[in-house]
Amino acid sequence: MTRVKRSLHARKKRRAVLDRAKGYRGDAHAHYRQAKEAVMKADAYAYRDRRNRKRDFRRLWITRINAAARQNGMSYSQFMHGLHSAGIELDRKVLADIAVRDAETFRRFAEAAREASTA
């Protein structure tokens, strides 16, 4: 088998890792071995947190909807059940935005939910 000289490709690979590690603290932005570890760790965190972000936003939306529903004399679960019973199909992201920006519209949704859950 023929011998492969790595100099060009090895340098290119190391340069790519060091470019991705720009801005890291300590040796992690300047020394290849530490930079490689830091980049691998950063990739693992990024992968994990792309999934966690979805959870975090859903949790935030539910908190906002619950706060607005309680201002209208309902719990979150009563409000959501009433909306489904009334046939109003809005997702939590939109409902949370309405709760924050337009209290009057949210109050009307709460009234519709209350009527549908009692009927």
PDB file of N, CA and C in Angstrom:
ATOM      1  N   MET A   1       0.843  -1.194   0.000  1.00  0.00           N
ATOM      2  CA  MET A   1       0.000   0.000   0.000  1.00  0.00           C
ATOM      3  C   MET A   1       0.881   1.248   0.000  1.00  0.00           C
ATOM      4  N   THR A   2       0.451   2.255  -0.717  1.00  0.00           N
ATOM      5  CA  THR A   2       1.260   3.468  -0.810  1.00  0.00           C
ATOM      6  C   THR A   2       1.105   4.317   0.437  1.00  0.00           C
ATOM      7  N   ARG A   3       2.115   5.106   0.677  1.00  0.00           N
ATOM      8  CA  ARG A   3       2.121   5.978   1.849  1.00  0.00           C
ATOM      9  C   ARG A   3       1.358   7.259   1.537  1.00  0.00           C
ATOM     10  N   VAL A   4       0.576   7.713   2.520  1.00  0.00           N
ATOM     11  CA  VAL A   4      -0.179   8.963   2.352  1.00  0.00           C
ATOM     12  C   VAL A   4       0.442  10.018   3.244  1.00  0.00           C
ATOM     13  N   LYS A   5       0.838  11.113   2.646  1.00  0.00           N
ATOM     14  CA  LYS A   5       1.367  12.230   3.430  1.00  0.00           C
ATOM     15  C   LYS A   5       0.202  13.152   3.782  1.00  0.00           C
ATOM     16  N   ARG A   6       0.020  13.446   5.063  1.00  0.00           N
ATOM     17  CA  ARG A   6      -1.176  14.129   5.556  1.00  0.00           C
ATOM     18  C   ARG A   6      -1.013  15.638   5.672  1.00  0.00           C
ATOM     19  N   SER A   7       0.144  16.152   5.374  1.00  0.00           N
ATOM     20  CA  SER A   7       0.428  17.521   5.809  1.00  0.00           C
ATOM     21  C   SER A   7      -0.647  18.523   5.401  1.00  0.00           C
ATOM     22  N   LEU A   8      -1.057  18.535   4.154  1.00  0.00           N
ATOM     23  CA  LEU A   8      -2.031  19.526   3.706  1.00  0.00           C
ATOM     24  C   LEU A   8      -3.402  19.301   4.362  1.00  0.00           C
ATOM     25  N   HIS A   9      -3.877  18.060   4.339  1.00  0.00           N
ATOM     26  CA  HIS A   9      -5.212  17.769   4.878  1.00  0.00           C
ATOM     27  C   HIS A   9      -5.259  17.906   6.401  1.00  0.00           C
ATOM     28  N   ALA A  10      -4.177  17.499   7.053  1.00  0.00           N
ATOM     29  CA  ALA A  10      -4.128  17.615   8.512  1.00  0.00           C
ATOM     30  C   ALA A  10      -4.171  19.087   8.923  1.00  0.00           C
ATOM     31  N   ARG A  11      -3.390  19.918   8.212  1.00  0.00           N
ATOM     32  CA  ARG A  11      -3.377  21.344   8.528  1.00  0.00           C
ATOM     33  C   ARG A  11      -4.752  21.969   8.279  1.00  0.00           C
ATOM     34  N   LYS A  12      -5.371  21.567   7.182  1.00  0.00           N
ATOM     35  CA  LYS A  12      -6.704  22.083   6.842  1.00  0.00           C
ATOM     36  C   LYS A  12      -7.733  21.708   7.919  1.00  0.00           C
ATOM     37  N   LYS A  13      -7.650  20.458   8.381  1.00  0.00           N
ATOM     38  CA  LYS A  13      -8.569  19.985   9.417  1.00  0.00           C
ATOM     39  C   LYS A  13      -8.365  20.749  10.730  1.00  0.00           C
ATOM     40  N   ARG A  14      -7.119  20.915  11.111  1.00  0.00           N
ATOM     41  CA  ARG A  14      -6.820  21.635  12.359  1.00  0.00           C
ATOM     42  C   ARG A  14      -7.247  23.093  12.269  1.00  0.00           C
ATOM     43  N   ARG A  15      -7.016  23.696  11.100  1.00  0.00           N
ATOM     44  CA  ARG A  15      -7.397  25.099  10.903  1.00  0.00           C
ATOM     45  C   ARG A  15      -8.923  25.252  11.026  1.00  0.00           C
ATOM     46  N   ALA A  16      -9.658  24.280  10.481  1.00  0.00           N
ATOM     47  CA  ALA A  16     -11.122  24.331  10.548  1.00  0.00           C
ATOM     48  C   ALA A  16     -11.603  24.264  11.992  1.00  0.00           C
ATOM     49  N   VAL A  17     -10.977  23.391  12.786  1.00  0.00           N
ATOM     50  CA  VAL A  17     -11.364  23.276  14.202  1.00  0.00           C
ATOM     51  C   VAL A  17     -11.036  24.573  14.933  1.00  0.00           C
ATOM     52  N   LEU A  18      -9.859  25.127  14.680  1.00  0.00           N
ATOM     53  CA  LEU A  18      -9.471  26.368  15.353  1.00  0.00           C
ATOM     54  C   LEU A  18     -10.355  27.538  14.919  1.00  0.00           C
ATOM     55  N   ASP A  19     -10.798  27.530  13.663  1.00  0.00           N
ATOM     56  CA  ASP A  19     -11.723  28.581  13.218  1.00  0.00           C
ATOM     57  C   ASP A  19     -13.054  28.478  13.954  1.00  0.00           C
ATOM     58  N   ARG A  20     -13.528  27.248  14.170  1.00  0.00           N
ATOM     59  CA  ARG A  20     -14.791  27.072  14.891  1.00  0.00           C
ATOM     60  C   ARG A  20     -14.658  27.435  16.365  1.00  0.00           C
ATOM     61  N   ALA A  21     -13.417  27.388  16.891  1.00  0.00           N
ATOM     62  CA  ALA A  21     -13.189  27.670  18.307  1.00  0.00           C
ATOM     63  C   ALA A  21     -12.854  29.134  18.564  1.00  0.00           C
ATOM     64  N   LYS A  22     -12.994  29.985  17.563  1.00  0.00           N
ATOM     65  CA  LYS A  22     -12.695  31.413  17.748  1.00  0.00           C
ATOM     66  C   LYS A  22     -13.598  31.980  18.845  1.00  0.00           C
ATOM     67  N   GLY A  23     -12.997  32.755  19.732  1.00  0.00           N
ATOM     68  CA  GLY A  23     -13.773  33.374  20.792  1.00  0.00           C
ATOM     69  C   GLY A  23     -13.849  32.543  22.061  1.00  0.00           C
ATOM     70  N   TYR A  24     -13.379  31.300  22.018  1.00  0.00           N
ATOM     71  CA  TYR A  24     -13.385  30.470  23.227  1.00  0.00           C
ATOM     72  C   TYR A  24     -12.308  30.979  24.181  1.00  0.00           C
ATOM     73  N   ARG A  25     -12.477  30.709  25.467  1.00  0.00           N
ATOM     74  CA  ARG A  25     -11.550  31.221  26.478  1.00  0.00           C
ATOM     75  C   ARG A  25     -10.357  30.305  26.672  1.00  0.00           C
ATOM     76  N   GLY A  26      -9.279  30.885  27.170  1.00  0.00           N
ATOM     77  CA  GLY A  26      -8.086  30.115  27.522  1.00  0.00           C
ATOM     78  C   GLY A  26      -7.430  29.475  26.314  1.00  0.00           C
ATOM     79  N   ASP A  27      -6.938  28.246  26.514  1.00  0.00           N
ATOM     80  CA  ASP A  27      -6.241  27.543  25.447  1.00  0.00           C
ATOM     81  C   ASP A  27      -7.195  27.059  24.360  1.00  0.00           C
ATOM     82  N   ALA A  28      -8.482  27.065  24.638  1.00  0.00           N
ATOM     83  CA  ALA A  28      -9.450  26.450  23.737  1.00  0.00           C
ATOM     84  C   ALA A  28      -9.562  27.147  22.392  1.00  0.00           C
ATOM     85  N   HIS A  29      -9.059  28.364  22.273  1.00  0.00           N
ATOM     86  CA  HIS A  29      -9.137  29.028  20.973  1.00  0.00           C
ATOM     87  C   HIS A  29      -7.806  29.003  20.226  1.00  0.00           C
ATOM     88  N   ALA A  30      -6.753  28.535  20.900  1.00  0.00           N
ATOM     89  CA  ALA A  30      -5.431  28.627  20.298  1.00  0.00           C
ATOM     90  C   ALA A  30      -4.729  27.276  20.144  1.00  0.00           C
ATOM     91  N   HIS A  31      -5.039  26.322  20.990  1.00  0.00           N
ATOM     92  CA  HIS A  31      -4.358  25.026  20.949  1.00  0.00           C
ATOM     93  C   HIS A  31      -5.312  23.962  20.426  1.00  0.00           C
ATOM     94  N   TYR A  32      -4.824  23.212  19.447  1.00  0.00           N
ATOM     95  CA  TYR A  32      -5.705  22.287  18.722  1.00  0.00           C
ATOM     96  C   TYR A  32      -6.374  21.273  19.640  1.00  0.00           C
ATOM     97  N   ARG A  33      -5.623  20.663  20.535  1.00  0.00           N
ATOM     98  CA  ARG A  33      -6.184  19.582  21.348  1.00  0.00           C
ATOM     99  C   ARG A  33      -7.328  20.105  22.233  1.00  0.00           C
ATOM    100  N   GLN A  34      -7.104  21.233  22.884  1.00  0.00           N
ATOM    101  CA  GLN A  34      -8.148  21.817  23.725  1.00  0.00           C
ATOM    102  C   GLN A  34      -9.301  22.335  22.878  1.00  0.00           C
ATOM    103  N   ALA A  35      -8.981  22.899  21.718  1.00  0.00           N
ATOM    104  CA  ALA A  35     -10.015  23.427  20.830  1.00  0.00           C
ATOM    105  C   ALA A  35     -10.915  22.302  20.335  1.00  0.00           C
ATOM    106  N   LYS A  36     -10.310  21.158  19.993  1.00  0.00           N
ATOM    107  CA  LYS A  36     -11.088  20.020  19.501  1.00  0.00           C
ATOM    108  C   LYS A  36     -12.076  19.547  20.563  1.00  0.00           C
ATOM    109  N   GLU A  37     -11.621  19.454  21.799  1.00  0.00           N
ATOM    110  CA  GLU A  37     -12.512  19.049  22.908  1.00  0.00           C
ATOM    111  C   GLU A  37     -13.645  20.061  23.092  1.00  0.00           C
ATOM    112  N   ALA A  38     -13.279  21.343  23.076  1.00  0.00           N
ATOM    113  CA  ALA A  38     -14.277  22.395  23.306  1.00  0.00           C
ATOM    114  C   ALA A  38     -15.314  22.423  22.191  1.00  0.00           C
ATOM    115  N   VAL A  39     -14.884  22.230  20.946  1.00  0.00           N
ATOM    116  CA  VAL A  39     -15.813  22.226  19.814  1.00  0.00           C
ATOM    117  C   VAL A  39     -16.746  21.016  19.900  1.00  0.00           C
ATOM    118  N   MET A  40     -16.193  19.851  20.277  1.00  0.00           N
ATOM    119  CA  MET A  40     -17.043  18.659  20.420  1.00  0.00           C
ATOM    120  C   MET A  40     -18.093  18.873  21.512  1.00  0.00           C
ATOM    121  N   LYS A  41     -17.674  19.466  22.621  1.00  0.00           N
ATOM    122  CA  LYS A  41     -18.592  19.723  23.728  1.00  0.00           C
ATOM    123  C   LYS A  41     -19.658  20.733  23.299  1.00  0.00           C
ATOM    124  N   ALA A  42     -19.244  21.777  22.587  1.00  0.00           N
ATOM    125  CA  ALA A  42     -20.182  22.799  22.119  1.00  0.00           C
ATOM    126  C   ALA A  42     -21.209  22.194  21.173  1.00  0.00           C
ATOM    127  N   ASP A  43     -20.770  21.281  20.308  1.00  0.00           N
ATOM    128  CA  ASP A  43     -21.702  20.617  19.392  1.00  0.00           C
ATOM    129  C   ASP A  43     -22.718  19.770  20.153  1.00  0.00           C
ATOM    130  N   ALA A  44     -22.248  19.094  21.204  1.00  0.00           N
ATOM    131  CA  ALA A  44     -23.155  18.279  22.009  1.00  0.00           C
ATOM    132  C   ALA A  44     -24.198  19.153  22.701  1.00  0.00           C
ATOM    133  N   TYR A  45     -23.751  20.279  23.265  1.00  0.00           N
ATOM    134  CA  TYR A  45     -24.692  21.207  23.906  1.00  0.00           C
ATOM    135  C   TYR A  45     -25.684  21.766  22.892  1.00  0.00           C
ATOM    136  N   ALA A  46     -25.202  22.114  21.707  1.00  0.00           N
ATOM    137  CA  ALA A  46     -26.070  22.697  20.689  1.00  0.00           C
ATOM    138  C   ALA A  46     -27.138  21.698  20.267  1.00  0.00           C
ATOM    139  N   TYR A  47     -26.742  20.443  20.070  1.00  0.00           N
ATOM    140  CA  TYR A  47     -27.689  19.398  19.673  1.00  0.00           C
ATOM    141  C   TYR A  47     -28.758  19.224  20.752  1.00  0.00           C
ATOM    142  N   ARG A  48     -28.307  19.121  22.005  1.00  0.00           N
ATOM    143  CA  ARG A  48     -29.244  18.945  23.127  1.00  0.00           C
ATOM    144  C   ARG A  48     -30.198  20.129  23.253  1.00  0.00           C
ATOM    145  N   ASP A  49     -29.643  21.336  23.153  1.00  0.00           N
ATOM    146  CA  ASP A  49     -30.441  22.523  23.428  1.00  0.00           C
ATOM    147  C   ASP A  49     -31.372  22.910  22.295  1.00  0.00           C
ATOM    148  N   ARG A  50     -31.115  22.401  21.081  1.00  0.00           N
ATOM    149  CA  ARG A  50     -32.102  22.614  20.019  1.00  0.00           C
ATOM    150  C   ARG A  50     -33.395  21.909  20.372  1.00  0.00           C
ATOM    151  N   ARG A  51     -33.313  20.792  21.071  1.00  0.00           N
ATOM    152  CA  ARG A  51     -34.511  20.088  21.519  1.00  0.00           C
ATOM    153  C   ARG A  51     -35.102  20.735  22.772  1.00  0.00           C
ATOM    154  N   ASN A  52     -34.239  21.143  23.695  1.00  0.00           N
ATOM    155  CA  ASN A  52     -34.721  21.768  24.930  1.00  0.00           C
ATOM    156  C   ASN A  52     -35.417  23.095  24.672  1.00  0.00           C
ATOM    157  N   ARG A  53     -34.998  23.819  23.617  1.00  0.00           N
ATOM    158  CA  ARG A  53     -35.604  25.114  23.312  1.00  0.00           C
ATOM    159  C   ARG A  53     -37.100  24.942  23.053  1.00  0.00           C
ATOM    160  N   LYS A  54     -37.475  23.870  22.385  1.00  0.00           N
ATOM    161  CA  LYS A  54     -38.885  23.615  22.085  1.00  0.00           C
ATOM    162  C   LYS A  54     -39.669  23.429  23.386  1.00  0.00           C
ATOM    163  N   ARG A  55     -39.068  22.689  24.338  1.00  0.00           N
ATOM    164  CA  ARG A  55     -39.713  22.494  25.643  1.00  0.00           C
ATOM    165  C   ARG A  55     -39.854  23.812  26.390  1.00  0.00           C
ATOM    166  N   ASP A  56     -38.765  24.596  26.361  1.00  0.00           N
ATOM    167  CA  ASP A  56     -38.753  25.852  27.110  1.00  0.00           C
ATOM    168  C   ASP A  56     -39.812  26.824  26.595  1.00  0.00           C
ATOM    169  N   PHE A  57     -39.934  26.911  25.269  1.00  0.00           N
ATOM    170  CA  PHE A  57     -40.933  27.826  24.717  1.00  0.00           C
ATOM    171  C   PHE A  57     -42.346  27.363  25.030  1.00  0.00           C
ATOM    172  N   ARG A  58     -42.610  26.064  24.936  1.00  0.00           N
ATOM    173  CA  ARG A  58     -43.942  25.556  25.264  1.00  0.00           C
ATOM    174  C   ARG A  58     -44.282  25.883  26.728  1.00  0.00           C
ATOM    175  N   ARG A  59     -43.291  25.704  27.604  1.00  0.00           N
ATOM    176  CA  ARG A  59     -43.499  26.002  29.014  1.00  0.00           C
ATOM    177  C   ARG A  59     -43.809  27.486  29.240  1.00  0.00           C
ATOM    178  N   LEU A  60     -43.081  28.358  28.520  1.00  0.00           N
ATOM    179  CA  LEU A  60     -43.312  29.802  28.614  1.00  0.00           C
ATOM    180  C   LEU A  60     -44.706  30.161  28.133  1.00  0.00           C
ATOM    181  N   TRP A  61     -45.130  29.588  26.991  1.00  0.00           N
ATOM    182  CA  TRP A  61     -46.460  29.882  26.454  1.00  0.00           C
ATOM    183  C   TRP A  61     -47.542  29.447  27.427  1.00  0.00           C
ATOM    184  N   ILE A  62     -47.388  28.270  28.015  1.00  0.00           N
ATOM    185  CA  ILE A  62     -48.390  27.772  28.959  1.00  0.00           C
ATOM    186  C   ILE A  62     -48.460  28.686  30.173  1.00  0.00           C
ATOM    187  N   THR A  63     -47.320  29.159  30.658  1.00  0.00           N
ATOM    188  CA  THR A  63     -47.294  30.070  31.811  1.00  0.00           C
ATOM    189  C   THR A  63     -48.037  31.365  31.488  1.00  0.00           C
ATOM    190  N   ARG A  64     -47.802  31.913  30.307  1.00  0.00           N
ATOM    191  CA  ARG A  64     -48.463  33.168  29.913  1.00  0.00           C
ATOM    192  C   ARG A  64     -49.966  32.976  29.746  1.00  0.00           C
ATOM    193  N   ILE A  65     -50.361  31.869  29.121  1.00  0.00           N
ATOM    194  CA  ILE A  65     -51.788  31.601  28.933  1.00  0.00           C
ATOM    195  C   ILE A  65     -52.466  31.406  30.290  1.00  0.00           C
ATOM    196  N   ASN A  66     -51.807  30.698  31.186  1.00  0.00           N
ATOM    197  CA  ASN A  66     -52.354  30.458  32.520  1.00  0.00           C
ATOM    198  C   ASN A  66     -52.552  31.770  33.267  1.00  0.00           C
ATOM    199  N   ALA A  67     -51.572  32.664  33.197  1.00  0.00           N
ATOM    200  CA  ALA A  67     -51.676  33.956  33.890  1.00  0.00           C
ATOM    201  C   ALA A  67     -52.858  34.758  33.347  1.00  0.00           C
ATOM    202  N   ALA A  68     -52.996  34.783  32.022  1.00  0.00           N
ATOM    203  CA  ALA A  68     -54.094  35.539  31.420  1.00  0.00           C
ATOM    204  C   ALA A  68     -55.442  34.886  31.717  1.00  0.00           C
ATOM    205  N   ALA A  69     -55.481  33.561  31.716  1.00  0.00           N
ATOM    206  CA  ALA A  69     -56.734  32.855  32.007  1.00  0.00           C
ATOM    207  C   ALA A  69     -57.167  33.134  33.446  1.00  0.00           C
ATOM    208  N   ARG A  70     -56.224  33.147  34.366  1.00  0.00           N
ATOM    209  CA  ARG A  70     -56.566  33.409  35.776  1.00  0.00           C
ATOM    210  C   ARG A  70     -57.051  34.837  35.980  1.00  0.00           C
ATOM    211  N   GLN A  71     -56.575  35.776  35.179  1.00  0.00           N
ATOM    212  CA  GLN A  71     -57.101  37.139  35.245  1.00  0.00           C
ATOM    213  C   GLN A  71     -58.558  37.178  34.797  1.00  0.00           C
ATOM    214  N   ASN A  72     -58.946  36.185  34.007  1.00  0.00           N
ATOM    215  CA  ASN A  72     -60.327  36.081  33.542  1.00  0.00           C
ATOM    216  C   ASN A  72     -61.120  35.038  34.331  1.00  0.00           C
ATOM    217  N   GLY A  73     -60.605  34.644  35.488  1.00  0.00           N
ATOM    218  CA  GLY A  73     -61.341  33.774  36.393  1.00  0.00           C
ATOM    219  C   GLY A  73     -61.385  32.310  35.999  1.00  0.00           C
ATOM    220  N   MET A  74     -60.391  31.834  35.266  1.00  0.00           N
ATOM    221  CA  MET A  74     -60.343  30.431  34.864  1.00  0.00           C
ATOM    222  C   MET A  74     -58.940  29.886  35.099  1.00  0.00           C
ATOM    223  N   SER A  75     -58.838  28.571  35.227  1.00  0.00           N
ATOM    224  CA  SER A  75     -57.516  27.957  35.250  1.00  0.00           C
ATOM    225  C   SER A  75     -57.108  27.644  33.816  1.00  0.00           C
ATOM    226  N   TYR A  76     -55.835  27.310  33.644  1.00  0.00           N
ATOM    227  CA  TYR A  76     -55.327  26.983  32.306  1.00  0.00           C
ATOM    228  C   TYR A  76     -56.078  25.799  31.717  1.00  0.00           C
ATOM    229  N   SER A  77     -56.271  24.750  32.533  1.00  0.00           N
ATOM    230  CA  SER A  77     -56.907  23.535  32.009  1.00  0.00           C
ATOM    231  C   SER A  77     -58.368  23.789  31.650  1.00  0.00           C
ATOM    232  N   GLN A  78     -59.076  24.564  32.465  1.00  0.00           N
ATOM    233  CA  GLN A  78     -60.467  24.913  32.143  1.00  0.00           C
ATOM    234  C   GLN A  78     -60.527  25.712  30.846  1.00  0.00           C
ATOM    235  N   PHE A  79     -59.600  26.656  30.701  1.00  0.00           N
ATOM    236  CA  PHE A  79     -59.559  27.501  29.504  1.00  0.00           C
ATOM    237  C   PHE A  79     -59.315  26.673  28.253  1.00  0.00           C
ATOM    238  N   MET A  80     -58.296  25.801  28.296  1.00  0.00           N
ATOM    239  CA  MET A  80     -57.963  24.990  27.128  1.00  0.00           C
ATOM    240  C   MET A  80     -59.092  24.007  26.799  1.00  0.00           C
ATOM    241  N   HIS A  81     -59.692  23.424  27.825  1.00  0.00           N
ATOM    242  CA  HIS A  81     -60.816  22.503  27.582  1.00  0.00           C
ATOM    243  C   HIS A  81     -61.985  23.255  26.945  1.00  0.00           C
ATOM    244  N   GLY A  82     -62.256  24.448  27.443  1.00  0.00           N
ATOM    245  CA  GLY A  82     -63.338  25.252  26.884  1.00  0.00           C
ATOM    246  C   GLY A  82     -63.077  25.634  25.431  1.00  0.00           C
ATOM    247  N   LEU A  83     -61.832  25.971  25.113  1.00  0.00           N
ATOM    248  CA  LEU A  83     -61.497  26.316  23.728  1.00  0.00           C
ATOM    249  C   LEU A  83     -61.721  25.127  22.797  1.00  0.00           C
ATOM    250  N   HIS A  84     -61.288  23.956  23.230  1.00  0.00           N
ATOM    251  CA  HIS A  84     -61.472  22.770  22.392  1.00  0.00           C
ATOM    252  C   HIS A  84     -62.950  22.445  22.234  1.00  0.00           C
ATOM    253  N   SER A  85     -63.721  22.623  23.315  1.00  0.00           N
ATOM    254  CA  SER A  85     -65.162  22.370  23.250  1.00  0.00           C
ATOM    255  C   SER A  85     -65.853  23.362  22.322  1.00  0.00           C
ATOM    256  N   ALA A  86     -65.355  24.597  22.295  1.00  0.00           N
ATOM    257  CA  ALA A  86     -65.940  25.639  21.450  1.00  0.00           C
ATOM    258  C   ALA A  86     -65.494  25.507  19.993  1.00  0.00           C
ATOM    259  N   GLY A  87     -64.540  24.616  19.738  1.00  0.00           N
ATOM    260  CA  GLY A  87     -64.063  24.436  18.374  1.00  0.00           C
ATOM    261  C   GLY A  87     -63.065  25.487  17.921  1.00  0.00           C
ATOM    262  N   ILE A  88     -62.462  26.173  18.882  1.00  0.00           N
ATOM    263  CA  ILE A  88     -61.454  27.193  18.555  1.00  0.00           C
ATOM    264  C   ILE A  88     -60.095  26.506  18.528  1.00  0.00           C
ATOM    265  N   GLU A  89     -59.487  26.468  17.360  1.00  0.00           N
ATOM    266  CA  GLU A  89     -58.221  25.756  17.196  1.00  0.00           C
ATOM    267  C   GLU A  89     -57.071  26.736  17.009  1.00  0.00           C
ATOM    268  N   LEU A  90     -56.565  27.242  18.125  1.00  0.00           N
ATOM    269  CA  LEU A  90     -55.386  28.102  18.114  1.00  0.00           C
ATOM    270  C   LEU A  90     -54.300  27.408  18.920  1.00  0.00           C
ATOM    271  N   ASP A  91     -53.068  27.451  18.425  1.00  0.00           N
ATOM    272  CA  ASP A  91     -52.000  26.813  19.183  1.00  0.00           C
ATOM    273  C   ASP A  91     -51.541  27.714  20.337  1.00  0.00           C
ATOM    274  N   ARG A  92     -50.741  27.135  21.207  1.00  0.00           N
ATOM    275  CA  ARG A  92     -50.326  27.840  22.419  1.00  0.00           C
ATOM    276  C   ARG A  92     -49.467  29.061  22.105  1.00  0.00           C
ATOM    277  N   LYS A  93     -48.684  28.982  21.042  1.00  0.00           N
ATOM    278  CA  LYS A  93     -47.829  30.115  20.670  1.00  0.00           C
ATOM    279  C   LYS A  93     -48.682  31.342  20.348  1.00  0.00           C
ATOM    280  N   VAL A  94     -49.726  31.148  19.561  1.00  0.00           N
ATOM    281  CA  VAL A  94     -50.597  32.260  19.166  1.00  0.00           C
ATOM    282  C   VAL A  94     -51.391  32.751  20.369  1.00  0.00           C
ATOM    283  N   LEU A  95     -51.912  31.830  21.171  1.00  0.00           N
ATOM    284  CA  LEU A  95     -52.677  32.228  22.361  1.00  0.00           C
ATOM    285  C   LEU A  95     -51.818  33.043  23.332  1.00  0.00           C
ATOM    286  N   ALA A  96     -50.573  32.622  23.525  1.00  0.00           N
ATOM    287  CA  ALA A  96     -49.683  33.358  24.434  1.00  0.00           C
ATOM    288  C   ALA A  96     -49.408  34.757  23.892  1.00  0.00           C
ATOM    289  N   ASP A  97     -49.249  34.874  22.581  1.00  0.00           N
ATOM    290  CA  ASP A  97     -49.006  36.178  21.969  1.00  0.00           C
ATOM    291  C   ASP A  97     -50.227  37.080  22.153  1.00  0.00           C
ATOM    292  N   ILE A  98     -51.413  36.518  21.964  1.00  0.00           N
ATOM    293  CA  ILE A  98     -52.650  37.292  22.163  1.00  0.00           C
ATOM    294  C   ILE A  98     -52.772  37.709  23.624  1.00  0.00           C
ATOM    295  N   ALA A  99     -52.436  36.794  24.534  1.00  0.00           N
ATOM    296  CA  ALA A  99     -52.530  37.091  25.970  1.00  0.00           C
ATOM    297  C   ALA A  99     -51.637  38.271  26.344  1.00  0.00           C
ATOM    298  N   VAL A 100     -50.455  38.336  25.753  1.00  0.00           N
ATOM    299  CA  VAL A 100     -49.505  39.403  26.089  1.00  0.00           C
ATOM    300  C   VAL A 100     -49.883  40.716  25.403  1.00  0.00           C
ATOM    301  N   ARG A 101     -50.276  40.664  24.131  1.00  0.00           N
ATOM    302  CA  ARG A 101     -50.446  41.876  23.334  1.00  0.00           C
ATOM    303  C   ARG A 101     -51.874  42.437  23.315  1.00  0.00           C
ATOM    304  N   ASP A 102     -52.878  41.558  23.460  1.00  0.00           N
ATOM    305  CA  ASP A 102     -54.252  42.008  23.256  1.00  0.00           C
ATOM    306  C   ASP A 102     -55.179  41.369  24.300  1.00  0.00           C
ATOM    307  N   ALA A 103     -55.264  41.992  25.463  1.00  0.00           N
ATOM    308  CA  ALA A 103     -56.036  41.429  26.576  1.00  0.00           C
ATOM    309  C   ALA A 103     -57.530  41.335  26.247  1.00  0.00           C
ATOM    310  N   GLU A 104     -58.048  42.268  25.479  1.00  0.00           N
ATOM    311  CA  GLU A 104     -59.482  42.277  25.150  1.00  0.00           C
ATOM    312  C   GLU A 104     -59.858  41.065  24.294  1.00  0.00           C
ATOM    313  N   THR A 105     -59.054  40.762  23.300  1.00  0.00           N
ATOM    314  CA  THR A 105     -59.314  39.577  22.471  1.00  0.00           C
ATOM    315  C   THR A 105     -59.218  38.317  23.304  1.00  0.00           C
ATOM    316  N   PHE A 106     -58.234  38.259  24.195  1.00  0.00           N
ATOM    317  CA  PHE A 106     -58.094  37.078  25.059  1.00  0.00           C
ATOM    318  C   PHE A 106     -59.313  36.938  25.964  1.00  0.00           C
ATOM    319  N   ARG A 107     -59.843  38.077  26.453  1.00  0.00           N
ATOM    320  CA  ARG A 107     -61.033  38.023  27.300  1.00  0.00           C
ATOM    321  C   ARG A 107     -62.204  37.410  26.534  1.00  0.00           C
ATOM    322  N   ARG A 108     -62.330  37.762  25.252  1.00  0.00           N
ATOM    323  CA  ARG A 108     -63.413  37.185  24.433  1.00  0.00           C
ATOM    324  C   ARG A 108     -63.228  35.685  24.242  1.00  0.00           C
ATOM    325  N   PHE A 109     -61.983  35.255  24.059  1.00  0.00           N
ATOM    326  CA  PHE A 109     -61.714  33.812  23.976  1.00  0.00           C
ATOM    327  C   PHE A 109     -62.079  33.125  25.288  1.00  0.00           C
ATOM    328  N   ALA A 110     -61.762  33.773  26.414  1.00  0.00           N
ATOM    329  CA  ALA A 110     -62.085  33.194  27.717  1.00  0.00           C
ATOM    330  C   ALA A 110     -63.594  33.076  27.901  1.00  0.00           C
ATOM    331  N   GLU A 111     -64.333  34.086  27.449  1.00  0.00           N
ATOM    332  CA  GLU A 111     -65.809  34.018  27.531  1.00  0.00           C
ATOM    333  C   GLU A 111     -66.343  32.865  26.681  1.00  0.00           C
ATOM    334  N   ALA A 112     -65.817  32.729  25.477  1.00  0.00           N
ATOM    335  CA  ALA A 112     -66.243  31.632  24.600  1.00  0.00           C
ATOM    336  C   ALA A 112     -65.915  30.284  25.223  1.00  0.00           C
ATOM    337  N   ALA A 113     -64.753  30.181  25.843  1.00  0.00           N
ATOM    338  CA  ALA A 113     -64.346  28.932  26.494  1.00  0.00           C
ATOM    339  C   ALA A 113     -65.253  28.635  27.690  1.00  0.00           C
ATOM    340  N   ARG A 114     -65.586  29.668  28.460  1.00  0.00           N
ATOM    341  CA  ARG A 114     -66.461  29.481  29.622  1.00  0.00           C
ATOM    342  C   ARG A 114     -67.844  28.989  29.191  1.00  0.00           C
ATOM    343  N   GLU A 115     -68.398  29.618  28.142  1.00  0.00           N
ATOM    344  CA  GLU A 115     -69.717  29.230  27.659  1.00  0.00           C
ATOM    345  C   GLU A 115     -69.704  27.791  27.122  1.00  0.00           C
ATOM    346  N   ALA A 116     -68.664  27.442  26.394  1.00  0.00           N
ATOM    347  CA  ALA A 116     -68.601  26.105  25.799  1.00  0.00           C
ATOM    348  C   ALA A 116     -68.413  25.020  26.851  1.00  0.00           C
ATOM    349  N   SER A 117     -67.659  25.332  27.916  1.00  0.00           N
ATOM    350  CA  SER A 117     -67.431  24.311  28.936  1.00  0.00           C
ATOM    351  C   SER A 117     -68.645  24.114  29.842  1.00  0.00           C
ATOM    352  N   THR A 118     -69.477  25.141  30.005  1.00  0.00           N
ATOM    353  CA  THR A 118     -70.683  24.984  30.815  1.00  0.00           C
ATOM    354  C   THR A 118     -71.818  24.350  30.016  1.00  0.00           C
ATOM    355  N   ALA A 119     -71.796  24.491  28.699  1.00  0.00           N
ATOM    356  CA  ALA A 119     -72.885  23.958  27.866  1.00  0.00           C
ATOM    357  C   ALA A 119     -72.781  22.454  27.672  1.00  0.00           C
TER     358      ALA A 119
END
